[in-house]
Amino acid sequence: MLGQAGRDASQEFEDVGHGSAARLMLDEFYVGEADSTTKVEVVDSPPVVVAKDSGVKPEESTKFIHFLLSLGILGLAFGVLLFNFSR
C-alpha cells in the first residue's frame, strides 16, 4: 500500500485479489480521484521488516509450556515420593 501512496491504486487492488468484503468497504475508504496532472516525487525508503509467521499460534505454545511444566512438577513430586519411601 505504501508503494502506491499518492497514486491511483485501483489496478493493484484488483491484482491482489481482494474478496467481496473488501469491495464492500471501498466506499467507506474512498478518498478521491488521483490528479494525473500533478507529478509525485517518489522517495526511496528503507524496507519495512515484517516478522516471519512461525505458523504456531500463541495459545498452542502456551498450552505446550503448561503441559511441560505440569510434567516437570509431577516428575518432581514422584521423585520426592520415591526418595522418601526408599529410606
Foldseek 3Di string as FASTA:
>chain_A
DVVQVLHDCVVVVVVVPDDPVVVVCCVVPPDDHRDPVDDDDDDDDDDDDDDDDPPDDPVNVVVVVVVVVVVVVVVVVVVVVVVVVVD
